[in-house]
Amino acid sequence: MRNALQAKNRYAFVDGSLPRLEDSEKEQAWVKCNSMVISWIFNSLARDLHESVVHIETVQEIWKDIEDRFSQSNAPRIHQLKRDIALLQQGGQSVTTYFIKLKGLWDELVILSLIPMCICGVAKEFAVEYVNESDFISSSWD
């Protein structure tokens, strides 16, 4: 979904980097695009989720609602990736094969460890979660 929205230059509605400009000449265009993206997201959801998001008015709010419902902590996966990287050995593999495996693990770790841009004042909440994940990972190495 993210790739499709980025390809259509509409992901800014999700991340909030294109806020609604009320009392602006561009407000009507924003409302039209927001409605279009809402319909794309709505039509990609399972029918049993429709009722829970049908009354939400912005793409950003719908995305946040879905994310809150279905996102999981990355701490266990981050821990597993760090462990896999630490234990990875070349053995009888070619350097190319070994490097491809190592790079795949690193790339996934980087994606899961990205710090999102703060646009709504929840940086403190994120920082607490990040510290908790770091503590979980550190304690797991003991």
Foldseek 3Di string as FASTA:
>chain_A
DCVVCVVVVNCCQQVVVDPQDPPDPCNVVVQVSQVVVVVVVLVVDDPVCNVVCVPPRGNNVSNVVVCVVDPDQCLVVLLVLVVCLVPQDCPPHDPVVSVVVNVVSVVVNCVNPDDDDDDDPCVVVVVVSNVVSVVVSVVVVD
